[in-house]
Amino acid sequence: MIQDRPYEGAELDLFATAHNWKNYWSEKIRPHLGASVLEVGAGLGANTNFLLGAEQTNWLCLEPDSSLTAQIPTTLAAQPRRDIVQTVTGTLVNLPPNQTFDTILYIDVLEHIEHDHEEMVAALSHAKPGGKVIVLSPAHPSLFTAFDRAIGHFRRYTKKTLRDCTPPGSRLIELYALDSVGLMASVANKLFLHQSMPTLKQVHFWDRCLVPVSRLTDPLIGFSLGKSVIGIWQKT
């Protein structure tokens, strides 16, 4: 039975405008996408729009909030490959046990799931042999703020705690940080602003001014420090 779970956050429309950021991390992730993709916690479909390419043959957006699922077709209205996208309201337990994919995505989603280790085990069960599970999440538990609480985060990750989520039967093939300059903005918010939600002006400043600089600085420091962390696992 599918149980509708309304999303408690209010930031999806706000961060949908962060095009530089979405272009940045999607360029890192896109080479790992296979022909069939499961996007867990797809939200409005804003990330789908940036990732979906000619290499994909089917894409499933899985979203527990039916009001968000209903908006995905509108978000993808100008996406040339929108016809291969399907939407399902629910979580992994609502998928047939034998339904498998080349790639399973958690884009700013795993931190919303209380039992993240169990979720990763379940995700791997839906990966084909050699398939990949990709996680992008906010980093640095010390930066957990009222904003995190407001949008339903259970945690922020370090490289170690994300590595600890490695499910049996997989190997971690990539683990790195992104957005070293944006990290400074997060530190400033933690120390001085104490905001539960950034303004549109602040999001645009970060996206248009800070993210382009991070593109330059991240490689210089070996992707060792950043506002977000990416982990990529392969089913063995």
Protein backbone atom coordinates (compact mmCIF):
# COMPACT_ATOMS: atom_id res chain seq x y z
CA MET A 1 0.00 0.00 0.00
CA ILE A 2 1.33 3.42 -0.98
CA GLN A 3 1.34 5.96 1.83
CA ASP A 4 1.49 9.58 0.75
CA ARG A 5 4.17 11.45 2.69
CA PRO A 6 3.89 15.24 2.30
CA TYR A 7 7.31 16.88 2.17
CA GLU A 8 7.85 19.25 5.09
CA GLY A 9 10.49 21.42 3.44
CA ALA A 10 9.83 24.61 1.50
CA GLU A 11 13.14 25.01 -0.32
CA LEU A 12 12.62 23.03 -3.54
CA ASP A 13 11.39 25.92 -5.67
CA LEU A 14 14.09 28.15 -4.19
CA PHE A 15 17.00 25.85 -5.04
CA ALA A 16 15.53 24.91 -8.42
CA THR A 17 16.94 28.28 -9.55
CA ALA A 18 20.53 27.26 -8.65
CA HIS A 19 21.47 26.36 -12.21
CA ASN A 20 25.24 26.75 -11.86
CA TRP A 21 25.28 24.39 -8.90
CA LYS A 22 23.09 21.83 -10.63
CA ASN A 23 25.27 22.00 -13.73
CA TYR A 24 28.39 21.52 -11.60
CA TRP A 25 27.43 18.39 -9.68
CA SER A 26 25.50 16.90 -12.61
CA GLU A 27 28.66 17.05 -14.75
CA LYS A 28 30.40 14.95 -12.10
CA ILE A 29 27.58 12.42 -11.87
CA ARG A 30 26.42 12.13 -15.49
CA PRO A 31 29.28 9.85 -16.68
CA HIS A 32 28.12 7.24 -14.13
CA LEU A 33 24.53 7.10 -15.35
CA GLY A 34 23.43 3.93 -17.11
CA ALA A 35 20.56 3.31 -19.49
CA SER A 36 17.99 2.77 -16.74
CA VAL A 37 17.87 5.19 -13.80
CA LEU A 38 15.90 5.28 -10.56
CA GLU A 39 15.82 8.71 -8.92
CA VAL A 40 14.74 8.32 -5.29
CA GLY A 41 13.10 11.41 -3.80
CA ALA A 42 12.80 13.12 -7.17
CA GLY A 43 10.89 16.10 -5.76
CA LEU A 44 9.73 18.46 -8.48
CA GLY A 45 11.92 16.82 -11.11
CA ALA A 46 14.38 19.74 -11.24
CA ASN A 47 17.40 17.44 -10.97
CA THR A 48 15.96 15.07 -13.58
CA ASN A 49 15.98 17.96 -16.02
CA PHE A 50 19.73 18.45 -15.57
CA LEU A 51 20.76 14.78 -15.63
CA LEU A 52 18.57 13.15 -18.26
CA GLY A 53 20.50 12.56 -21.48
CA ALA A 54 20.55 10.65 -24.74
CA GLU A 55 22.16 7.61 -23.06
CA GLN A 56 19.10 6.88 -20.95
CA THR A 57 16.30 4.61 -22.16
CA ASN A 58 14.07 4.74 -19.08
CA TRP A 59 14.00 6.94 -16.00
CA LEU A 60 11.82 6.42 -12.94
CA CYS A 61 11.14 9.31 -10.57
CA LEU A 62 10.19 7.92 -7.17
CA GLU A 63 8.75 10.53 -4.83
CA PRO A 64 6.75 9.94 -1.59
CA ASP A 65 4.84 13.26 -1.81
CA SER A 66 2.02 12.96 -4.36
CA SER A 67 1.74 16.75 -4.71
CA LEU A 68 5.38 16.88 -5.86
CA THR A 69 5.00 13.86 -8.14
CA ALA A 70 2.12 15.63 -9.86
CA GLN A 71 4.36 18.60 -10.70
CA ILE A 72 7.15 16.61 -12.38
CA PRO A 73 5.54 16.59 -15.88
CA THR A 74 5.32 20.40 -15.75
CA THR A 75 8.96 20.70 -14.68
CA LEU A 76 10.00 18.47 -17.60
CA ALA A 77 7.74 20.10 -20.16
CA ALA A 78 10.70 21.46 -22.17
CA GLN A 79 12.89 18.37 -21.66
CA PRO A 80 13.36 16.61 -25.05
CA ARG A 81 13.60 13.15 -23.39
CA ARG A 82 10.59 13.61 -21.10
CA ASP A 83 8.72 10.74 -22.76
CA ILE A 84 11.01 8.14 -21.18
CA VAL A 85 10.34 9.46 -17.65
CA GLN A 86 7.85 7.66 -15.44
CA THR A 87 6.69 8.78 -12.00
CA VAL A 88 5.68 6.71 -9.00
CA THR A 89 4.45 8.06 -5.67
CA GLY A 90 6.11 6.07 -2.91
CA THR A 91 9.42 4.73 -1.63
CA LEU A 92 11.57 1.69 -2.42
CA VAL A 93 9.13 -0.61 -0.62
CA ASN A 94 6.53 0.26 -3.27
CA LEU A 95 8.67 -1.09 -6.12
CA PRO A 96 8.51 -4.73 -7.23
CA PRO A 97 11.41 -6.57 -5.56
CA ASN A 98 12.73 -7.74 -8.93
CA GLN A 99 12.72 -4.28 -10.56
CA THR A 100 16.35 -3.29 -11.11
CA PHE A 101 18.24 -0.37 -12.60
CA ASP A 102 21.69 0.53 -13.89
CA THR A 103 21.85 3.60 -11.64
CA ILE A 104 20.08 4.64 -8.44
CA LEU A 105 20.27 8.29 -7.40
CA TYR A 106 19.90 10.02 -4.04
CA ILE A 107 20.36 13.72 -4.77
CA ASP A 108 20.06 15.60 -1.47
CA VAL A 109 17.79 12.82 -0.23
CA LEU A 110 19.66 10.33 1.98
CA GLU A 111 19.97 12.88 4.79
CA HIS A 112 16.15 12.97 4.93
CA ILE A 113 15.95 9.22 5.62
CA GLU A 114 16.22 8.22 9.28
CA HIS A 115 17.58 4.72 8.69
CA ASP A 116 20.12 5.50 5.99
CA HIS A 117 22.13 2.26 6.27
CA GLU A 118 19.01 0.16 5.74
CA GLU A 119 18.02 2.39 2.84
CA MET A 120 21.35 1.80 1.13
CA VAL A 121 20.96 -1.97 1.50
CA ALA A 122 17.49 -1.74 -0.04
CA ALA A 123 18.78 0.49 -2.84
CA LEU A 124 21.51 -1.98 -3.76
CA SER A 125 18.91 -4.74 -4.05
CA HIS A 126 17.38 -2.73 -6.91
CA ALA A 127 20.72 -2.29 -8.70
CA LYS A 128 21.71 -4.55 -11.56
CA PRO A 129 25.03 -6.41 -11.28
CA GLY A 130 27.67 -3.77 -11.89
CA GLY A 131 25.07 -1.05 -11.34
CA LYS A 132 25.77 2.06 -9.30
CA VAL A 133 24.24 3.87 -6.34
CA ILE A 134 25.06 7.60 -6.25
CA VAL A 135 24.57 9.87 -3.23
CA LEU A 136 24.95 13.65 -3.05
CA SER A 137 24.39 15.06 0.44
CA PRO A 138 25.23 18.09 2.59
CA ALA A 139 28.52 17.81 4.48
CA HIS A 140 29.86 18.68 7.93
CA PRO A 141 27.66 17.75 10.93
CA SER A 142 29.05 20.78 12.76
CA LEU A 143 27.16 22.96 10.28
CA PHE A 144 23.78 21.44 11.10
CA THR A 145 21.48 24.47 11.49
CA ALA A 146 17.86 25.50 11.85
CA PHE A 147 17.68 25.27 8.06
CA ASP A 148 18.49 21.55 8.22
CA ARG A 149 15.83 21.01 10.87
CA ALA A 150 13.29 23.04 8.91
CA ILE A 151 13.59 20.83 5.83
CA GLY A 152 13.64 17.51 7.64
CA HIS A 153 17.33 16.57 7.68
CA PHE A 154 18.37 13.86 10.13
CA ARG A 155 22.08 14.52 9.60
CA ARG A 156 24.90 15.97 7.57
CA TYR A 157 27.67 13.64 6.42
CA THR A 158 31.42 13.42 6.64
CA LYS A 159 33.37 11.29 4.21
CA LYS A 160 33.70 8.70 6.96
CA THR A 161 30.01 8.53 7.85
CA LEU A 162 29.06 8.33 4.17
CA ARG A 163 31.67 5.59 3.67
CA ASP A 164 30.13 3.77 6.61
CA CYS A 165 26.87 3.57 4.63
CA THR A 166 28.51 1.17 2.15
CA PRO A 167 26.07 -1.75 1.79
CA PRO A 168 27.34 -5.35 1.68
CA GLY A 169 27.82 -6.53 -1.88
CA SER A 170 29.14 -3.19 -3.13
CA ARG A 171 32.40 -1.30 -3.34
CA LEU A 172 32.87 2.43 -2.91
CA ILE A 173 34.49 3.69 -6.11
CA GLU A 174 34.40 7.47 -5.57
CA LEU A 175 34.12 9.71 -2.51
CA TYR A 176 34.83 13.45 -2.63
CA ALA A 177 33.64 16.91 -1.63
CA LEU A 178 32.28 19.73 -3.78
CA ASP A 179 31.84 23.50 -3.36
CA SER A 180 34.73 24.58 -1.14
CA VAL A 181 33.80 28.26 -1.46
CA GLY A 182 30.13 27.62 -0.74
CA LEU A 183 31.28 25.97 2.46
CA MET A 184 32.36 29.39 3.72
CA ALA A 185 28.84 30.70 3.19
CA SER A 186 27.48 27.80 5.23
CA VAL A 187 29.95 28.59 8.01
CA ALA A 188 28.84 32.25 7.97
CA ASN A 189 25.20 31.23 8.26
CA LYS A 190 26.01 28.94 11.18
CA LEU A 191 28.01 31.57 13.05
CA PHE A 192 26.19 34.79 12.27
CA LEU A 193 22.88 34.52 10.43
CA HIS A 194 21.16 31.52 12.06
CA GLN A 195 18.60 31.44 9.25
CA SER A 196 16.07 28.64 8.91
CA MET A 197 15.72 29.45 5.19
CA PRO A 198 17.95 31.43 2.80
CA THR A 199 16.47 34.20 0.71
CA LEU A 200 16.28 34.04 -3.07
CA LYS A 201 18.91 36.78 -3.23
CA GLN A 202 21.28 34.71 -1.09
CA VAL A 203 20.75 31.59 -3.20
CA HIS A 204 21.47 33.57 -6.37
CA PHE A 205 24.63 35.08 -4.86
CA TRP A 206 25.91 31.64 -3.88
CA ASP A 207 24.97 30.08 -7.21
CA ARG A 208 26.20 32.87 -9.49
CA CYS A 209 29.24 34.11 -7.56
CA LEU A 210 30.52 31.34 -5.30
CA VAL A 211 29.89 28.15 -7.27
CA PRO A 212 31.94 29.32 -10.31
CA VAL A 213 34.88 29.99 -7.97
CA SER A 214 34.46 26.54 -6.40
CA ARG A 215 34.82 25.03 -9.86
CA LEU A 216 38.34 26.48 -9.87
CA THR A 217 39.32 25.85 -6.26
CA ASP A 218 37.90 22.34 -5.78
CA PRO A 219 40.39 20.64 -8.15
CA LEU A 220 43.27 22.63 -6.61
CA ILE A 221 42.57 21.12 -3.18
CA GLY A 222 41.84 17.66 -4.56
CA PHE A 223 38.08 17.85 -3.88
CA SER A 224 38.97 17.36 -0.22
CA LEU A 225 36.68 20.01 1.30
CA GLY A 226 33.26 21.32 0.38
CA LYS A 227 29.67 22.07 1.29
CA SER A 228 28.51 18.76 -0.19
CA VAL A 229 29.88 15.24 -0.40
CA ILE A 230 29.40 12.67 -3.18
CA GLY A 231 29.69 8.91 -2.81
CA ILE A 232 29.43 6.41 -5.68
CA TRP A 233 29.09 2.65 -5.09
CA GLN A 234 29.15 -0.20 -7.57
CA LYS A 235 27.37 -3.51 -7.05
CA THR A 236 29.87 -6.33 -7.06
